[in-house]
């Protein structure tokens, strides 16, 4: 564990440093705590045995690293890639992604909650509130429900295309999906509990539990209270996806949905919401999910990963080669289409290049469709775009880039960071246009 990792893990163990905040953290500490407890109890033999187990566990719970220049995808990365999955790019045709095609990343294990168990599930709202709440599913459903269409993207999307490659889930560009999420606005629940004036953050705890970089933990993230209680984007405590109960891999029976933020903020299997009067310093907040620009500076604290950078993706045209996924088209007009989104502001422009970025032409960008009740469509869901390309025989590289209303646009060359987060490098699709008559 390098110097920065060691300090970060210690901070994650200590939490906010006040008695109220300490109770917010149910289990977030180095695995070496077991040894210290046994030594304190005077059981030297047990402490020695614990040392052996701790050493073995640390061997498989290593600090974050970047791959060596010639290093291929590791067996551990392949295991992550097999366990998690992205959106097949042809599924960009769906305005609302079917749950089985929506990207999935699970940090630890999917908790087992059957239909009967879901009814017994409870969500606590506590900490710096006047009236702590314990809500079962029936009570949650008794609040007025809202539905928001939200595009969700993994913070590590695009990581595998970086050089050097951060070693983790090896996403290309496919870690995205859009769903209709139904639930209760978080601000409604917090108003019911009554927020104390000194509350500054809301900490969310999921039921998934594991070890990461030597830290045994429940998955936990926090939001500033201003974001947790905002009118727009409105954070949801969601219990339905596309009009049906949440699937197990998407957080059944209840999860957080934070429009415009990368996926790490959307805590699944949500069981606890705690307001604190100090900033939360748990592992997933202060160690993981930070933009650190240096590969070897142990003192780089980084900046927090928050909102989704703009991105346009193209539905690969034509048909694919099995292994290389190179696309094959025939000469003549080819419809190019896809989706674009941003967590900062609506997308205002999508440009398309058919010569690997040498020249660009603006595509037609659809306005967000209105909801069935006539109200404006979601500002936090992707938009469709399209253009026509006259394909000529030969090889081509197609790409698209999005620009949002805040002036953010996609880069042609991605700035590097140690965790591989927030990568919105333009997608590149190799295409072969067959000669006429083939």
Protein backbone atom coordinates (compact mmCIF):
# COMPACT_ATOMS: atom_id res chain seq x y z
CA UNK A 1 0.00 0.00 0.00
CA UNK A 2 1.60 3.31 -1.06
CA UNK A 3 1.73 6.37 1.20
CA UNK A 4 -1.41 7.99 -0.14
CA UNK A 5 -3.41 4.72 0.06
CA UNK A 6 -2.35 4.21 3.68
CA UNK A 7 -3.39 7.72 4.70
CA UNK A 8 -6.67 7.48 2.79
CA UNK A 9 -7.53 4.14 4.37
CA UNK A 10 -6.83 5.56 7.83
CA UNK A 11 -9.11 8.51 7.08
CA UNK A 12 -11.79 6.13 5.84
CA UNK A 13 -11.55 4.18 9.10
CA UNK A 14 -11.77 7.28 11.26
CA UNK A 15 -14.78 8.75 9.46
CA UNK A 16 -15.88 12.31 10.23
CA UNK A 17 -14.34 12.28 13.71
CA UNK A 18 -17.41 13.07 15.81
CA UNK A 19 -19.55 10.68 17.83
CA UNK A 20 -22.65 11.41 15.76
CA UNK A 21 -20.80 10.81 12.52
CA UNK A 22 -19.05 7.68 13.82
CA UNK A 23 -22.43 6.02 14.21
CA UNK A 24 -23.16 6.80 10.56
CA UNK A 25 -20.39 4.40 9.47
CA UNK A 26 -21.57 0.83 10.24
CA UNK A 27 -18.39 -0.89 9.05
CA UNK A 28 -15.60 0.84 7.20
CA UNK A 29 -12.13 -0.02 8.47
CA UNK A 30 -8.83 -1.71 7.60
CA UNK A 31 -8.85 -5.48 7.86
CA UNK A 32 -5.95 -5.12 10.32
CA UNK A 33 -8.46 -3.95 12.95
CA UNK A 34 -9.10 -7.63 13.75
CA UNK A 35 -5.45 -8.10 14.76
CA UNK A 36 -5.47 -4.99 16.96
CA UNK A 37 -8.62 -6.17 18.75
CA UNK A 38 -7.14 -9.59 19.51
CA UNK A 39 -3.84 -8.14 20.76
CA UNK A 40 -5.75 -5.75 23.00
CA UNK A 41 -7.63 -8.74 24.41
CA UNK A 42 -4.29 -10.44 25.19
CA UNK A 43 -4.81 -13.39 22.83
CA UNK A 44 -1.35 -13.55 21.19
CA UNK A 45 -1.96 -16.94 19.52
CA UNK A 46 -5.20 -15.77 17.94
CA UNK A 47 -3.53 -12.51 16.92
CA UNK A 48 -0.77 -14.48 15.15
CA UNK A 49 -3.36 -16.57 13.31
CA UNK A 50 -5.22 -13.41 12.39
CA UNK A 51 -1.98 -11.98 10.99
CA UNK A 52 -1.73 -14.91 8.58
CA UNK A 53 -5.30 -14.45 7.41
CA UNK A 54 -4.85 -10.70 7.10
CA UNK A 55 -1.70 -11.16 5.00
CA UNK A 56 -3.53 -13.57 2.72
CA UNK A 57 -6.44 -11.17 2.34
CA UNK A 58 -4.18 -8.20 1.65
CA UNK A 59 -2.50 -10.21 -1.10
CA UNK A 60 -5.79 -10.28 -3.00
CA UNK A 61 -6.96 -6.80 -1.95
CA UNK A 62 -4.13 -4.77 -3.40
CA UNK A 63 -3.87 -0.98 -3.81
CA UNK A 64 -4.99 0.59 -7.05
CA UNK A 65 -2.40 0.43 -9.82
CA UNK A 66 -1.86 1.11 -13.50
CA UNK A 67 -0.85 -1.55 -15.99
CA UNK A 68 2.70 -1.87 -17.27
CA UNK A 69 3.19 -0.74 -20.90
CA UNK A 70 3.10 -4.26 -22.37
CA UNK A 71 0.66 -5.73 -19.84
CA UNK A 72 -2.52 -7.27 -21.20
CA UNK A 73 -5.89 -7.54 -19.51
CA UNK A 74 -5.40 -9.46 -16.26
CA UNK A 75 -7.46 -12.49 -15.12
CA UNK A 76 -8.92 -10.30 -12.37
CA UNK A 77 -10.07 -7.72 -14.93
CA UNK A 78 -11.56 -10.49 -17.07
CA UNK A 79 -13.46 -11.75 -14.03
CA UNK A 80 -14.87 -8.26 -13.48
CA UNK A 81 -15.77 -7.95 -17.16
CA UNK A 82 -17.61 -11.29 -17.03
CA UNK A 83 -19.50 -10.33 -13.88
CA UNK A 84 -20.51 -6.84 -14.98
CA UNK A 85 -21.80 -5.91 -18.41
CA UNK A 86 -22.31 -2.94 -20.68
CA UNK A 87 -25.00 -1.87 -23.11
CA UNK A 88 -24.79 -3.54 -26.55
CA UNK A 89 -24.35 -0.47 -28.73
CA UNK A 90 -27.14 -1.53 -31.09
CA UNK A 91 -29.46 -1.16 -28.05
CA UNK A 92 -28.98 2.61 -28.31
CA UNK A 93 -32.01 2.35 -30.61
CA UNK A 94 -34.20 2.03 -27.51
CA UNK A 95 -35.11 5.39 -26.02
CA UNK A 96 -35.71 3.55 -22.74
CA UNK A 97 -33.23 0.72 -22.17
CA UNK A 98 -34.71 -2.69 -21.29
CA UNK A 99 -33.40 -3.65 -17.82
CA UNK A 100 -31.44 -6.64 -19.12
CA UNK A 101 -29.55 -4.42 -21.58
CA UNK A 102 -28.86 -1.51 -19.19
CA UNK A 103 -25.24 -1.48 -18.01
CA UNK A 104 -24.50 -3.11 -14.65
CA UNK A 105 -21.60 -2.70 -12.24
CA UNK A 106 -21.77 -4.45 -8.86
CA UNK A 107 -18.95 -3.68 -6.43
CA UNK A 108 -19.40 -6.70 -4.16
CA UNK A 109 -22.25 -9.28 -4.12
CA UNK A 110 -25.86 -8.80 -5.17
CA UNK A 111 -27.83 -9.15 -1.91
CA UNK A 112 -30.48 -11.87 -2.00
CA UNK A 113 -33.88 -10.33 -1.40
CA UNK A 114 -36.89 -12.39 -2.51
CA UNK A 115 -40.37 -10.98 -3.07
CA UNK A 116 -41.48 -11.74 0.49
CA UNK A 117 -38.28 -10.33 1.95
CA UNK A 118 -38.74 -7.11 0.00
CA UNK A 119 -41.93 -6.34 1.90
CA UNK A 120 -39.97 -6.63 5.15
CA UNK A 121 -37.15 -4.38 3.90
CA UNK A 122 -36.74 -1.20 5.91
CA UNK A 123 -35.02 2.07 5.13
CA UNK A 124 -33.80 4.18 8.04
CA UNK A 125 -33.65 7.98 7.87
CA UNK A 126 -31.64 9.26 10.82
CA UNK A 127 -28.72 11.35 12.03
CA UNK A 128 -29.22 15.12 12.07
CA UNK A 129 -33.02 14.94 11.79
CA UNK A 130 -35.72 15.86 14.28
CA UNK A 131 -37.77 12.67 13.80
CA UNK A 132 -35.85 9.52 12.77
CA UNK A 133 -37.85 7.31 10.40
CA UNK A 134 -37.96 3.58 9.73
CA UNK A 135 -39.81 3.03 6.46
CA UNK A 136 -40.97 -0.31 5.09
CA UNK A 137 -41.88 -0.73 1.43
CA UNK A 138 -45.60 -0.20 2.02
CA UNK A 139 -44.86 3.11 3.73
CA UNK A 140 -42.52 4.20 0.95
CA UNK A 141 -45.18 3.44 -1.64
CA UNK A 142 -47.72 5.46 0.35
CA UNK A 143 -45.87 8.70 -0.48
CA UNK A 144 -46.78 10.43 -3.77
CA UNK A 145 -44.66 8.78 -6.47
CA UNK A 146 -42.83 10.48 -9.32
CA UNK A 147 -41.11 9.03 -12.38
CA UNK A 148 -37.94 10.47 -13.93
CA UNK A 149 -36.24 9.34 -17.11
CA UNK A 150 -32.53 9.33 -16.32
CA UNK A 151 -29.42 8.35 -18.26
CA UNK A 152 -26.90 6.65 -16.01
CA UNK A 153 -23.23 6.12 -16.88
CA UNK A 154 -20.43 4.40 -14.98
CA UNK A 155 -17.68 6.76 -13.82
CA UNK A 156 -15.09 4.38 -15.29
CA UNK A 157 -16.62 4.25 -18.77
CA UNK A 158 -13.77 4.41 -21.30
CA UNK A 159 -11.10 3.34 -18.81
CA UNK A 160 -9.75 0.49 -20.94
CA UNK A 161 -8.81 2.90 -23.74
CA UNK A 162 -6.40 4.90 -21.57
CA UNK A 163 -2.61 4.53 -21.77
CA UNK A 164 -1.30 3.50 -19.31
CA UNK A 165 -4.44 1.56 -18.38
CA UNK A 166 -5.79 1.83 -14.82
CA UNK A 167 -6.38 -1.74 -13.64
CA UNK A 168 -10.07 -2.13 -12.84
CA UNK A 169 -13.33 -2.91 -14.66
CA UNK A 170 -12.18 -2.61 -18.32
CA UNK A 171 -14.96 -0.55 -19.88
CA UNK A 172 -14.75 0.65 -23.48
CA UNK A 173 -17.70 3.01 -24.16
CA UNK A 174 -20.66 0.79 -23.33
CA UNK A 175 -21.28 1.46 -19.60
CA UNK A 176 -24.51 3.42 -19.99
CA UNK A 177 -28.29 3.06 -20.06
CA UNK A 178 -31.48 5.07 -19.71
CA UNK A 179 -34.48 4.05 -17.61
CA UNK A 180 -37.72 5.39 -16.19
CA UNK A 181 -37.20 5.36 -12.42
CA UNK A 182 -40.21 5.59 -10.10
CA UNK A 183 -40.07 6.38 -6.41
CA UNK A 184 -40.23 9.06 -3.74
CA UNK A 185 -38.23 12.29 -3.98
CA UNK A 186 -35.49 12.19 -1.37
CA UNK A 187 -36.38 15.73 -0.31
CA UNK A 188 -39.89 14.50 0.56
CA UNK A 189 -38.48 11.92 2.99
CA UNK A 190 -36.06 14.41 4.50
CA UNK A 191 -38.85 16.94 4.97
CA UNK A 192 -40.88 14.24 6.72
CA UNK A 193 -37.96 13.58 9.09
CA UNK A 194 -37.17 17.27 9.60
CA UNK A 195 -33.63 18.38 8.77
CA UNK A 196 -31.62 19.89 11.61
CA UNK A 197 -30.01 23.28 10.81
CA UNK A 198 -26.46 21.93 11.23
CA UNK A 199 -26.84 19.08 8.70
CA UNK A 200 -24.41 19.37 5.77
CA UNK A 201 -24.43 15.98 4.03
CA UNK A 202 -26.58 12.91 3.50
CA UNK A 203 -24.78 9.54 3.72
CA UNK A 204 -26.31 6.56 1.90
CA UNK A 205 -25.54 2.96 2.85
CA UNK A 206 -26.29 -0.05 0.67
CA UNK A 207 -26.61 -3.67 1.74
CA UNK A 208 -23.65 -4.82 -0.38
CA UNK A 209 -20.55 -5.56 1.70
CA UNK A 210 -16.97 -6.40 0.76
CA UNK A 211 -13.27 -5.58 0.92
CA UNK A 212 -11.50 -3.05 -1.27
CA UNK A 213 -7.80 -2.11 -0.99
CA UNK A 214 -7.71 -3.69 2.45
CA UNK A 215 -10.80 -1.90 3.74
CA UNK A 216 -13.80 -4.00 4.79
CA UNK A 217 -16.88 -1.90 4.17
CA UNK A 218 -20.51 -1.47 3.33
CA UNK A 219 -20.90 0.45 0.08
CA UNK A 220 -21.46 4.07 1.12
CA UNK A 221 -21.58 7.42 -0.63
CA UNK A 222 -22.67 10.90 0.38
CA UNK A 223 -24.18 13.98 -1.25
CA UNK A 224 -24.03 17.59 -0.10
CA UNK A 225 -27.39 18.46 1.42
CA UNK A 226 -27.93 21.09 -1.28
CA UNK A 227 -27.79 18.36 -3.94
CA UNK A 228 -29.79 15.85 -1.89
CA UNK A 229 -32.70 18.30 -1.51
CA UNK A 230 -32.57 20.06 -4.91
CA UNK A 231 -35.72 20.56 -6.98
CA UNK A 232 -33.83 19.90 -10.22
CA UNK A 233 -32.26 17.48 -10.59
CA UNK A 234 -34.54 15.75 -8.11
CA UNK A 235 -32.90 12.83 -6.31
CA UNK A 236 -35.16 9.77 -6.03
CA UNK A 237 -35.46 6.88 -3.63
CA UNK A 238 -36.61 4.51 -6.38
CA UNK A 239 -38.40 1.18 -6.19
CA UNK A 240 -39.38 0.69 -9.85
CA UNK A 241 -37.45 0.57 -13.12
CA UNK A 242 -39.43 0.93 -16.35
CA UNK A 243 -42.70 0.37 -14.52
CA UNK A 244 -41.72 -2.85 -12.73
CA UNK A 245 -40.02 -3.65 -9.40
CA UNK A 246 -36.26 -3.14 -9.51
CA UNK A 247 -34.38 -6.21 -10.80
CA UNK A 248 -31.89 -7.69 -8.31
CA UNK A 249 -28.83 -6.36 -10.16
CA UNK A 250 -30.31 -2.85 -10.23
CA UNK A 251 -30.84 -2.56 -6.49
CA UNK A 252 -34.03 -4.45 -5.55
CA UNK A 253 -35.99 -3.47 -3.58
CA UNK A 254 -34.91 0.19 -3.31
CA UNK A 255 -32.07 2.35 -4.57
CA UNK A 256 -30.94 5.94 -4.96
CA UNK A 257 -31.14 7.72 -8.34
CA UNK A 258 -29.12 10.94 -8.68
CA UNK A 259 -29.81 12.48 -12.12
CA UNK A 260 -26.76 13.88 -13.86
CA UNK A 261 -24.21 12.13 -11.62
CA UNK A 262 -22.02 9.17 -12.48
CA UNK A 263 -23.22 5.76 -11.34
CA UNK A 264 -21.19 5.56 -8.12
CA UNK A 265 -23.65 8.03 -6.53
CA UNK A 266 -26.74 5.89 -7.25
CA UNK A 267 -26.45 3.62 -4.19
CA UNK A 268 -28.24 0.29 -4.68
CA UNK A 269 -29.97 -1.92 -2.08
CA UNK A 270 -30.43 1.24 -0.03
CA UNK A 271 -31.03 0.60 3.67
CA UNK A 272 -29.84 3.71 5.50
CA UNK A 273 -29.88 7.48 4.97
CA UNK A 274 -28.06 9.48 7.63
CA UNK A 275 -27.61 13.23 7.79
CA UNK A 276 -24.29 14.41 9.21
CA UNK A 277 -22.98 17.71 10.48
CA UNK A 278 -19.49 17.02 9.07
CA UNK A 279 -18.35 15.87 5.62
CA UNK A 280 -18.35 12.09 5.16
CA UNK A 281 -14.86 10.57 4.76
CA UNK A 282 -15.66 6.95 3.94
CA UNK A 283 -13.65 4.91 1.44
CA UNK A 284 -15.88 5.36 -1.62
CA UNK A 285 -15.92 9.11 -1.02
CA UNK A 286 -12.30 9.99 -0.24
CA UNK A 287 -10.18 7.08 -1.52
CA UNK A 288 -12.09 5.83 -4.56
CA UNK A 289 -13.75 8.03 -7.18
CA UNK A 290 -11.22 10.86 -7.24
CA UNK A 291 -9.59 12.51 -10.25
CA UNK A 292 -5.86 12.06 -9.59
CA UNK A 293 -3.75 13.25 -12.50
CA UNK A 294 -0.39 11.85 -11.38
CA UNK A 295 0.53 8.18 -11.79
CA UNK A 296 3.09 8.23 -9.00
CA UNK A 297 2.38 11.15 -6.62
CA UNK A 298 1.26 9.59 -3.30
CA UNK A 299 0.23 13.01 -1.96
CA UNK A 300 -2.25 13.82 -4.73
CA UNK A 301 -5.65 14.12 -2.94
CA UNK A 302 -7.50 14.40 -6.22
CA UNK A 303 -10.82 16.03 -6.97
CA UNK A 304 -14.16 14.28 -6.43
CA UNK A 305 -15.91 12.58 -9.34
CA UNK A 306 -19.42 14.04 -9.62
CA UNK A 307 -21.34 14.95 -12.78
CA UNK A 308 -21.34 13.15 -16.12
CA UNK A 309 -19.20 14.68 -18.87
CA UNK A 310 -20.90 15.08 -22.29
CA UNK A 311 -20.80 12.11 -24.63
CA UNK A 312 -22.25 11.11 -27.99
CA UNK A 313 -22.41 7.46 -29.01
CA UNK A 314 -23.17 6.15 -32.48
CA UNK A 315 -25.14 3.01 -33.22
CA UNK A 316 -22.57 1.05 -35.26
CA UNK A 317 -23.85 1.03 -38.86
CA UNK A 318 -24.00 -1.96 -41.20
CA UNK A 319 -23.04 -5.36 -39.82
CA UNK A 320 -20.04 -6.51 -37.74
CA UNK A 321 -17.08 -8.81 -38.06
CA UNK A 322 -17.36 -11.34 -35.22
CA UNK A 323 -13.97 -10.75 -33.56
CA UNK A 324 -12.79 -7.27 -34.48
CA UNK A 325 -16.28 -5.70 -34.48
CA UNK A 326 -15.23 -3.74 -37.57
CA UNK A 327 -18.39 -2.68 -39.37
CA UNK A 328 -19.18 -3.51 -42.97
CA UNK A 329 -21.42 -1.30 -45.13
CA UNK A 330 -22.27 -1.07 -48.81
CA UNK A 331 -21.78 2.04 -50.97
CA UNK A 332 -24.41 4.74 -50.94
CA UNK A 333 -26.48 6.56 -48.32
CA UNK A 334 -26.00 5.21 -44.78
CA UNK A 335 -28.06 6.47 -41.86
CA UNK A 336 -25.83 7.35 -38.90
CA UNK A 337 -27.64 7.79 -35.60
CA UNK A 338 -27.12 7.59 -31.89
CA UNK A 339 -27.64 9.22 -28.51
CA UNK A 340 -26.00 12.11 -26.66
CA UNK A 341 -26.15 13.26 -23.04
CA UNK A 342 -24.44 15.33 -20.35
CA UNK A 343 -24.82 15.64 -16.59
CA UNK A 344 -23.96 19.34 -16.65
CA UNK A 345 -26.51 20.78 -19.09
CA UNK A 346 -28.60 19.74 -22.10
CA UNK A 347 -26.68 18.74 -25.21
CA UNK A 348 -26.92 21.51 -27.80
CA UNK A 349 -24.81 20.10 -30.64
CA UNK A 350 -23.62 16.78 -32.02
CA UNK A 351 -20.98 16.69 -34.77
CA UNK A 352 -20.07 13.67 -36.86
CA UNK A 353 -16.82 12.85 -38.65
CA UNK A 354 -16.31 10.10 -41.22
CA UNK A 355 -12.55 10.64 -41.54
CA UNK A 356 -11.36 10.11 -37.94
CA UNK A 357 -11.82 13.72 -36.89
CA UNK A 358 -10.22 15.56 -39.81
CA UNK A 359 -13.54 17.16 -40.79
CA UNK A 360 -16.85 17.52 -38.97
CA UNK A 361 -20.49 18.10 -39.91
CA UNK A 362 -23.32 18.90 -37.53
CA UNK A 363 -26.00 16.24 -37.10
CA UNK A 364 -29.71 16.79 -36.56
CA UNK A 365 -30.38 16.73 -32.81
CA UNK A 366 -33.84 15.86 -31.53
CA UNK A 367 -35.38 17.89 -28.76
CA UNK A 368 -36.32 15.86 -25.74
CA UNK A 369 -39.83 14.44 -26.28
CA UNK A 370 -42.54 15.73 -23.98
CA UNK A 371 -43.97 13.47 -21.32
CA UNK A 372 -47.45 11.98 -21.81
CA UNK A 373 -48.96 14.73 -19.63
CA UNK A 374 -47.54 17.41 -21.95
CA UNK A 375 -44.80 18.56 -19.59
CA UNK A 376 -41.23 18.98 -20.80
CA UNK A 377 -39.10 15.89 -21.22
CA UNK A 378 -36.31 15.06 -18.79
CA UNK A 379 -33.21 17.21 -18.96
CA UNK A 380 -31.25 14.26 -17.54
CA UNK A 381 -31.95 11.68 -20.26
CA UNK A 382 -30.13 11.21 -23.54
CA UNK A 383 -31.22 12.82 -26.82
CA UNK A 384 -31.26 11.17 -30.22
CA UNK A 385 -29.34 12.49 -33.22
CA UNK A 386 -28.98 11.47 -36.87
CA UNK A 387 -27.30 12.30 -40.15
CA UNK A 388 -26.78 10.65 -43.54
CA UNK A 389 -23.37 9.57 -44.83
CA UNK A 390 -22.72 8.70 -48.44
CA UNK A 391 -20.37 5.76 -48.05
CA UNK A 392 -17.67 5.21 -50.66
CA UNK A 393 -15.60 2.00 -51.06
CA UNK A 394 -12.63 1.88 -48.71
CA UNK A 395 -11.83 2.04 -45.01
CA UNK A 396 -13.20 4.77 -42.76
CA UNK A 397 -13.25 5.74 -39.10
CA UNK A 398 -16.54 7.22 -37.89
CA UNK A 399 -16.83 9.32 -34.77
CA UNK A 400 -19.21 11.73 -33.07
CA UNK A 401 -18.82 14.36 -30.38
CA UNK A 402 -21.30 16.20 -28.17
CA UNK A 403 -21.29 19.75 -26.81
CA UNK A 404 -23.58 20.84 -23.97
CA UNK A 405 -25.17 24.17 -23.05
CA UNK A 406 -22.47 24.79 -20.44
CA UNK A 407 -19.79 24.72 -23.16
CA UNK A 408 -18.31 21.30 -22.35
CA UNK A 409 -17.35 19.19 -25.36
CA UNK A 410 -15.73 15.81 -25.94
CA UNK A 411 -11.96 15.64 -26.44
CA UNK A 412 -10.20 13.91 -29.32
CA UNK A 413 -7.38 13.00 -26.93
CA UNK A 414 -8.34 12.05 -23.38
CA UNK A 415 -6.57 13.66 -20.39
CA UNK A 416 -5.29 10.83 -18.17
CA UNK A 417 -6.18 10.17 -14.54
CA UNK A 418 -5.10 7.35 -12.24
CA UNK A 419 -8.55 5.86 -11.64
CA UNK A 420 -9.67 6.07 -15.25
CA UNK A 421 -12.71 8.18 -14.35
CA UNK A 422 -14.82 10.61 -16.35
CA UNK A 423 -13.40 9.57 -19.71
CA UNK A 424 -15.48 11.02 -22.54
CA UNK A 425 -12.98 10.55 -25.36
CA UNK A 426 -14.84 10.37 -28.68
CA UNK A 427 -15.96 6.93 -29.87
CA UNK A 428 -14.18 5.64 -32.98
CA UNK A 429 -15.84 3.03 -35.22
CA UNK A 430 -13.76 1.36 -37.95
CA UNK A 431 -15.83 0.75 -41.09
CA UNK A 432 -15.12 -1.05 -44.35
CA UNK A 433 -17.28 -0.04 -47.30
CA UNK A 434 -17.33 -2.87 -49.83
CA UNK A 435 -16.66 -2.21 -53.51
CA UNK A 436 -19.75 -1.80 -55.64
CA UNK A 437 -21.27 -5.07 -56.76
CA UNK A 438 -19.85 -7.15 -53.83
